[in-house]
Amino acid sequence: MSFDFSTLNLWAVLVATVIGMVVGSLWYSPVLFGNVWMNLIQKKKEDMVSSTGPMIGAVVVSIVNSLTLALFLHATNAQTVADGLLVAALLALVVTMATLINYLFEGRGMKLLAIQVGYHVVVFLVNSVLLTLWS
């Protein structure tokens, strides 16, 4: 199997990257789940490290996630929103199950799992619609 990167809409991948960052900013803010998340990881705002390094890492990861999702959509020949949502749901299931293994051994709660994995599920679903329609 080979991927032809020239067939990908890089503008769509860039917009998907921005969507991932915007959703993450809202998701982990006090507007949505930020306060609950901080409580569950037993951190206070002043305990958090400088955001520069993690933010650069988050941008890189968001680019890789958006590009990988675009490649999966292309490889599976997803042409409709339903096709794209199915691919996103399958990827979300893999991420959820892989993360759940760690949570089971670490004794972490399902509420934290729902917050942390929920972000990825939402981004996969939203970006799959964007990337499927804008391909």
N, C-alpha and C. Protein backbone atom coordinates (compact mmCIF):
# COMPACT_ATOMS: atom_id res chain seq x y z
N MET A 1 0.85 -1.17 0.00
CA MET A 1 0.00 0.00 0.00
C MET A 1 0.89 1.24 0.00
N SER A 2 0.50 2.19 -0.77
CA SER A 2 1.24 3.45 -0.78
C SER A 2 0.24 4.60 -0.74
N PHE A 3 0.71 5.71 -0.23
CA PHE A 3 -0.13 6.90 -0.13
C PHE A 3 0.41 7.95 -1.07
N ASP A 4 -0.49 8.55 -1.82
CA ASP A 4 -0.14 9.64 -2.71
C ASP A 4 -0.51 10.95 -2.01
N PHE A 5 0.50 11.56 -1.39
CA PHE A 5 0.26 12.78 -0.62
C PHE A 5 -0.22 13.93 -1.51
N SER A 6 0.06 13.86 -2.80
CA SER A 6 -0.35 14.95 -3.69
C SER A 6 -1.86 15.02 -3.85
N THR A 7 -2.56 13.95 -3.51
CA THR A 7 -4.02 13.96 -3.64
C THR A 7 -4.72 14.55 -2.41
N LEU A 8 -3.95 14.79 -1.35
CA LEU A 8 -4.54 15.33 -0.13
C LEU A 8 -4.73 16.84 -0.25
N ASN A 9 -5.81 17.32 0.33
CA ASN A 9 -6.07 18.75 0.38
C ASN A 9 -5.37 19.29 1.63
N LEU A 10 -4.19 19.88 1.44
CA LEU A 10 -3.40 20.36 2.57
C LEU A 10 -4.06 21.53 3.29
N TRP A 11 -4.88 22.30 2.57
CA TRP A 11 -5.63 23.37 3.24
C TRP A 11 -6.63 22.79 4.23
N ALA A 12 -7.29 21.71 3.80
CA ALA A 12 -8.24 21.04 4.70
C ALA A 12 -7.52 20.47 5.91
N VAL A 13 -6.33 19.90 5.70
CA VAL A 13 -5.54 19.36 6.81
C VAL A 13 -5.15 20.49 7.76
N LEU A 14 -4.77 21.63 7.21
CA LEU A 14 -4.40 22.79 8.05
C LEU A 14 -5.60 23.28 8.86
N VAL A 15 -6.76 23.38 8.23
CA VAL A 15 -7.96 23.81 8.94
C VAL A 15 -8.34 22.78 10.02
N ALA A 16 -8.20 21.50 9.70
CA ALA A 16 -8.47 20.44 10.69
C ALA A 16 -7.52 20.57 11.88
N THR A 17 -6.29 20.93 11.61
CA THR A 17 -5.31 21.16 12.69
C THR A 17 -5.78 22.29 13.60
N VAL A 18 -6.21 23.38 12.99
CA VAL A 18 -6.70 24.53 13.77
C VAL A 18 -7.94 24.13 14.57
N ILE A 19 -8.83 23.36 13.96
CA ILE A 19 -10.03 22.90 14.67
C ILE A 19 -9.62 22.08 15.89
N GLY A 20 -8.66 21.18 15.72
CA GLY A 20 -8.18 20.39 16.85
C GLY A 20 -7.66 21.25 17.98
N MET A 21 -6.94 22.30 17.65
CA MET A 21 -6.39 23.19 18.67
C MET A 21 -7.50 24.01 19.34
N VAL A 22 -8.45 24.48 18.56
CA VAL A 22 -9.54 25.27 19.12
C VAL A 22 -10.41 24.41 20.04
N VAL A 23 -10.75 23.21 19.59
CA VAL A 23 -11.54 22.31 20.42
C VAL A 23 -10.79 21.99 21.71
N GLY A 24 -9.48 21.73 21.60
CA GLY A 24 -8.67 21.44 22.78
C GLY A 24 -8.64 22.61 23.75
N SER A 25 -8.51 23.82 23.21
CA SER A 25 -8.49 25.02 24.06
C SER A 25 -9.80 25.17 24.82
N LEU A 26 -10.89 24.90 24.16
CA LEU A 26 -12.20 24.99 24.82
C LEU A 26 -12.42 23.81 25.77
N TRP A 27 -12.09 22.62 25.32
CA TRP A 27 -12.32 21.39 26.07
C TRP A 27 -11.64 21.44 27.45
N TYR A 28 -10.39 21.90 27.45
CA TYR A 28 -9.62 21.93 28.70
C TYR A 28 -9.64 23.29 29.39
N SER A 29 -10.60 24.12 29.00
CA SER A 29 -10.77 25.42 29.66
C SER A 29 -11.87 25.30 30.71
N PRO A 30 -11.97 26.29 31.59
CA PRO A 30 -13.06 26.28 32.57
C PRO A 30 -14.45 26.32 31.93
N VAL A 31 -14.52 26.73 30.68
CA VAL A 31 -15.81 26.78 29.97
C VAL A 31 -16.41 25.37 29.85
N LEU A 32 -15.57 24.37 29.62
CA LEU A 32 -16.06 23.00 29.49
C LEU A 32 -15.55 22.13 30.64
N PHE A 33 -14.45 21.41 30.42
CA PHE A 33 -14.03 20.40 31.39
C PHE A 33 -12.74 20.72 32.12
N GLY A 34 -12.19 21.91 31.94
CA GLY A 34 -10.90 22.25 32.52
C GLY A 34 -10.83 22.11 34.02
N ASN A 35 -11.82 22.63 34.72
CA ASN A 35 -11.79 22.56 36.18
C ASN A 35 -11.91 21.12 36.68
N VAL A 36 -12.82 20.36 36.08
CA VAL A 36 -12.99 18.96 36.48
C VAL A 36 -11.72 18.18 36.17
N TRP A 37 -11.16 18.40 34.99
CA TRP A 37 -9.94 17.71 34.58
C TRP A 37 -8.79 18.01 35.54
N MET A 38 -8.61 19.29 35.88
CA MET A 38 -7.54 19.67 36.82
C MET A 38 -7.74 18.97 38.16
N ASN A 39 -8.97 18.91 38.62
CA ASN A 39 -9.27 18.24 39.88
C ASN A 39 -8.95 16.75 39.79
N LEU A 40 -9.34 16.12 38.69
CA LEU A 40 -9.12 14.69 38.53
C LEU A 40 -7.64 14.32 38.42
N ILE A 41 -6.83 15.21 37.85
CA ILE A 41 -5.39 14.92 37.77
C ILE A 41 -4.65 15.49 38.98
N GLN A 42 -5.43 16.04 39.90
CA GLN A 42 -4.92 16.57 41.17
C GLN A 42 -3.85 17.66 40.96
N LYS A 43 -4.19 18.59 40.09
CA LYS A 43 -3.31 19.72 39.81
C LYS A 43 -4.08 21.02 40.02
N LYS A 44 -3.32 22.05 40.32
CA LYS A 44 -3.85 23.40 40.37
C LYS A 44 -3.23 24.16 39.21
N LYS A 45 -3.85 25.24 38.84
CA LYS A 45 -3.35 26.03 37.72
C LYS A 45 -1.88 26.39 37.90
N GLU A 46 -1.49 26.74 39.12
CA GLU A 46 -0.10 27.12 39.38
C GLU A 46 0.86 25.92 39.32
N ASP A 47 0.33 24.69 39.36
CA ASP A 47 1.16 23.50 39.26
C ASP A 47 1.56 23.18 37.81
N MET A 48 0.82 23.73 36.88
CA MET A 48 1.04 23.40 35.47
C MET A 48 2.34 24.04 34.97
N VAL A 49 3.03 23.33 34.11
CA VAL A 49 4.29 23.82 33.55
C VAL A 49 4.00 24.93 32.55
N SER A 50 5.04 25.61 32.14
CA SER A 50 4.92 26.63 31.11
C SER A 50 4.21 26.02 29.90
N SER A 51 3.32 26.77 29.32
CA SER A 51 2.54 26.23 28.22
C SER A 51 3.26 26.26 26.87
N THR A 52 4.41 26.89 26.78
CA THR A 52 5.09 27.02 25.48
C THR A 52 5.49 25.66 24.91
N GLY A 53 6.21 24.87 25.67
CA GLY A 53 6.64 23.56 25.18
C GLY A 53 5.48 22.63 24.86
N PRO A 54 4.55 22.46 25.81
CA PRO A 54 3.39 21.62 25.51
C PRO A 54 2.55 22.14 24.35
N MET A 55 2.46 23.45 24.20
CA MET A 55 1.65 24.00 23.11
C MET A 55 2.30 23.70 21.75
N ILE A 56 3.62 23.81 21.68
CA ILE A 56 4.32 23.46 20.43
C ILE A 56 4.10 21.97 20.13
N GLY A 57 4.23 21.15 21.16
CA GLY A 57 3.99 19.72 20.98
C GLY A 57 2.57 19.45 20.54
N ALA A 58 1.59 20.17 21.11
CA ALA A 58 0.19 19.98 20.75
C ALA A 58 -0.07 20.35 19.29
N VAL A 59 0.59 21.39 18.82
CA VAL A 59 0.44 21.78 17.41
C VAL A 59 0.98 20.69 16.50
N VAL A 60 2.16 20.17 16.82
CA VAL A 60 2.77 19.10 16.01
C VAL A 60 1.87 17.86 16.02
N VAL A 61 1.39 17.48 17.20
CA VAL A 61 0.51 16.30 17.31
C VAL A 61 -0.79 16.54 16.54
N SER A 62 -1.33 17.74 16.61
CA SER A 62 -2.56 18.05 15.89
C SER A 62 -2.35 17.97 14.38
N ILE A 63 -1.20 18.42 13.90
CA ILE A 63 -0.89 18.30 12.47
C ILE A 63 -0.81 16.83 12.08
N VAL A 64 -0.09 16.03 12.87
CA VAL A 64 0.06 14.60 12.57
C VAL A 64 -1.31 13.91 12.61
N ASN A 65 -2.13 14.21 13.62
CA ASN A 65 -3.46 13.60 13.71
C ASN A 65 -4.32 13.97 12.51
N SER A 66 -4.31 15.23 12.11
CA SER A 66 -5.12 15.67 10.98
C SER A 66 -4.65 15.03 9.68
N LEU A 67 -3.36 14.98 9.49
CA LEU A 67 -2.80 14.35 8.30
C LEU A 67 -3.10 12.85 8.27
N THR A 68 -2.94 12.20 9.41
CA THR A 68 -3.21 10.76 9.49
C THR A 68 -4.68 10.47 9.23
N LEU A 69 -5.58 11.27 9.80
CA LEU A 69 -7.00 11.09 9.54
C LEU A 69 -7.30 11.28 8.05
N ALA A 70 -6.71 12.28 7.43
CA ALA A 70 -6.90 12.49 5.99
C ALA A 70 -6.42 11.28 5.19
N LEU A 71 -5.29 10.70 5.60
CA LEU A 71 -4.77 9.51 4.92
C LEU A 71 -5.70 8.31 5.10
N PHE A 72 -6.22 8.13 6.31
CA PHE A 72 -7.17 7.04 6.54
C PHE A 72 -8.43 7.22 5.70
N LEU A 73 -8.93 8.44 5.66
CA LEU A 73 -10.12 8.71 4.85
C LEU A 73 -9.85 8.43 3.38
N HIS A 74 -8.68 8.81 2.91
CA HIS A 74 -8.30 8.57 1.53
C HIS A 74 -8.12 7.06 1.27
N ALA A 75 -7.42 6.39 2.18
CA ALA A 75 -7.15 4.95 2.00
C ALA A 75 -8.43 4.12 2.02
N THR A 76 -9.42 4.56 2.78
CA THR A 76 -10.69 3.83 2.85
C THR A 76 -11.69 4.32 1.81
N ASN A 77 -11.27 5.27 1.01
CA ASN A 77 -12.11 5.84 -0.05
C ASN A 77 -13.41 6.41 0.51
N ALA A 78 -13.32 7.04 1.66
CA ALA A 78 -14.49 7.66 2.28
C ALA A 78 -14.93 8.84 1.43
N GLN A 79 -16.15 8.77 0.93
CA GLN A 79 -16.64 9.82 0.04
C GLN A 79 -17.85 10.55 0.58
N THR A 80 -18.51 9.97 1.57
CA THR A 80 -19.68 10.62 2.14
C THR A 80 -19.40 10.95 3.61
N VAL A 81 -20.23 11.80 4.17
CA VAL A 81 -20.09 12.13 5.59
C VAL A 81 -20.23 10.87 6.43
N ALA A 82 -21.16 9.99 6.05
CA ALA A 82 -21.34 8.73 6.80
C ALA A 82 -20.07 7.88 6.75
N ASP A 83 -19.44 7.81 5.58
CA ASP A 83 -18.17 7.08 5.46
C ASP A 83 -17.12 7.68 6.39
N GLY A 84 -17.01 9.00 6.35
CA GLY A 84 -16.03 9.69 7.18
C GLY A 84 -16.28 9.49 8.66
N LEU A 85 -17.54 9.55 9.06
CA LEU A 85 -17.87 9.35 10.47
C LEU A 85 -17.58 7.92 10.91
N LEU A 86 -17.78 6.96 10.02
CA LEU A 86 -17.47 5.57 10.36
C LEU A 86 -15.96 5.41 10.59
N VAL A 87 -15.15 5.97 9.70
CA VAL A 87 -13.70 5.90 9.87
C VAL A 87 -13.29 6.58 11.17
N ALA A 88 -13.85 7.76 11.45
CA ALA A 88 -13.53 8.47 12.69
C ALA A 88 -13.95 7.67 13.91
N ALA A 89 -15.13 7.05 13.85
CA ALA A 89 -15.61 6.25 14.98
C ALA A 89 -14.69 5.05 15.23
N LEU A 90 -14.23 4.43 14.19
CA LEU A 90 -13.31 3.28 14.35
C LEU A 90 -11.98 3.74 14.95
N LEU A 91 -11.45 4.85 14.47
CA LEU A 91 -10.21 5.39 15.04
C LEU A 91 -10.42 5.77 16.51
N ALA A 92 -11.56 6.38 16.79
CA ALA A 92 -11.86 6.76 18.17
C ALA A 92 -11.96 5.53 19.07
N LEU A 93 -12.52 4.46 18.54
CA LEU A 93 -12.61 3.22 19.32
C LEU A 93 -11.23 2.66 19.62
N VAL A 94 -10.33 2.69 18.64
CA VAL A 94 -8.96 2.22 18.86
C VAL A 94 -8.27 3.07 19.92
N VAL A 95 -8.38 4.39 19.81
CA VAL A 95 -7.76 5.28 20.79
C VAL A 95 -8.34 5.03 22.18
N THR A 96 -9.65 4.89 22.26
CA THR A 96 -10.30 4.67 23.55
C THR A 96 -9.85 3.36 24.18
N MET A 97 -9.84 2.29 23.42
CA MET A 97 -9.46 0.99 23.97
C MET A 97 -7.98 0.96 24.36
N ALA A 98 -7.13 1.56 23.55
CA ALA A 98 -5.70 1.60 23.87
C ALA A 98 -5.45 2.39 25.14
N THR A 99 -6.17 3.47 25.31
CA THR A 99 -6.02 4.30 26.50
C THR A 99 -6.64 3.61 27.72
N LEU A 100 -7.74 2.91 27.51
CA LEU A 100 -8.42 2.21 28.61
C LEU A 100 -7.52 1.17 29.26
N ILE A 101 -6.69 0.49 28.47
CA ILE A 101 -5.76 -0.49 29.04
C ILE A 101 -4.90 0.18 30.11
N ASN A 102 -4.33 1.34 29.78
CA ASN A 102 -3.50 2.06 30.75
C ASN A 102 -4.31 2.44 31.98
N TYR A 103 -5.49 2.93 31.77
CA TYR A 103 -6.33 3.37 32.89
C TYR A 103 -6.66 2.21 33.83
N LEU A 104 -6.90 1.04 33.27
CA LEU A 104 -7.21 -0.12 34.11
C LEU A 104 -6.04 -0.48 35.02
N PHE A 105 -4.84 -0.45 34.48
CA PHE A 105 -3.67 -0.79 35.28
C PHE A 105 -3.26 0.33 36.22
N GLU A 106 -3.54 1.57 35.85
CA GLU A 106 -3.16 2.71 36.68
C GLU A 106 -4.23 3.05 37.73
N GLY A 107 -5.39 2.41 37.63
CA GLY A 107 -6.45 2.68 38.58
C GLY A 107 -7.08 4.06 38.43
N ARG A 108 -7.01 4.60 37.25
CA ARG A 108 -7.61 5.91 37.00
C ARG A 108 -9.11 5.76 36.78
N GLY A 109 -9.84 6.80 37.08
CA GLY A 109 -11.29 6.77 36.96
C GLY A 109 -11.79 6.94 35.54
N MET A 110 -12.99 6.46 35.33
CA MET A 110 -13.61 6.53 34.01
C MET A 110 -14.02 7.96 33.65
N LYS A 111 -14.23 8.81 34.65
CA LYS A 111 -14.56 10.21 34.37
C LYS A 111 -13.38 10.90 33.68
N LEU A 112 -12.17 10.63 34.17
CA LEU A 112 -10.98 11.20 33.54
C LEU A 112 -10.80 10.63 32.14
N LEU A 113 -11.03 9.35 31.98
CA LEU A 113 -10.94 8.73 30.66
C LEU A 113 -11.92 9.40 29.70
N ALA A 114 -13.14 9.62 30.17
CA ALA A 114 -14.16 10.23 29.31
C ALA A 114 -13.74 11.62 28.87
N ILE A 115 -13.15 12.40 29.77
CA ILE A 115 -12.71 13.75 29.41
C ILE A 115 -11.55 13.68 28.42
N GLN A 116 -10.55 12.88 28.74
CA GLN A 116 -9.35 12.87 27.90
C GLN A 116 -9.58 12.22 26.54
N VAL A 117 -10.30 11.13 26.51
CA VAL A 117 -10.56 10.47 25.23
C VAL A 117 -11.68 11.20 24.49
N GLY A 118 -12.62 11.76 25.24
CA GLY A 118 -13.72 12.48 24.60
C GLY A 118 -13.25 13.59 23.69
N TYR A 119 -12.20 14.28 24.10
CA TYR A 119 -11.63 15.33 23.25
C TYR A 119 -11.23 14.76 21.89
N HIS A 120 -10.51 13.64 21.91
CA HIS A 120 -10.04 13.04 20.65
C HIS A 120 -11.21 12.55 19.80
N VAL A 121 -12.21 11.97 20.45
CA VAL A 121 -13.39 11.49 19.72
C VAL A 121 -14.07 12.65 19.00
N VAL A 122 -14.29 13.74 19.70
CA VAL A 122 -14.95 14.91 19.10
C VAL A 122 -14.12 15.44 17.93
N VAL A 123 -12.82 15.56 18.12
CA VAL A 123 -11.96 16.09 17.05
C VAL A 123 -11.95 15.16 15.84
N PHE A 124 -11.85 13.85 16.08
CA PHE A 124 -11.91 12.90 14.96
C PHE A 124 -13.22 13.04 14.19
N LEU A 125 -14.34 13.12 14.91
CA LEU A 125 -15.64 13.19 14.25
C LEU A 125 -15.81 14.49 13.47
N VAL A 126 -15.50 15.61 14.09
CA VAL A 126 -15.64 16.90 13.40
C VAL A 126 -14.70 16.98 12.20
N ASN A 127 -13.45 16.59 12.41
CA ASN A 127 -12.48 16.69 11.32
C ASN A 127 -12.76 15.70 10.20
N SER A 128 -13.35 14.56 10.51
CA SER A 128 -13.67 13.61 9.44
C SER A 128 -14.73 14.21 8.52
N VAL A 129 -15.68 14.94 9.09
CA VAL A 129 -16.69 15.59 8.25
C VAL A 129 -16.01 16.64 7.37
N LEU A 130 -15.19 17.48 7.97
CA LEU A 130 -14.48 18.51 7.20
C LEU A 130 -13.64 17.88 6.09
N LEU A 131 -12.84 16.89 6.44
CA LEU A 131 -11.90 16.31 5.47
C LEU A 131 -12.62 15.50 4.39
N THR A 132 -13.75 14.91 4.73
CA THR A 132 -14.51 14.16 3.73
C THR A 132 -15.18 15.12 2.74
N LEU A 133 -15.75 16.18 3.26
CA LEU A 133 -16.45 17.13 2.38
C LEU A 133 -15.49 18.00 1.57
N TRP A 134 -14.30 18.25 2.11
CA TRP A 134 -13.35 19.16 1.48
C TRP A 134 -12.18 18.40 0.88
N SER A 135 -12.47 17.28 0.25
CA SER A 135 -11.37 16.49 -0.34
C SER A 135 -11.32 16.64 -1.84
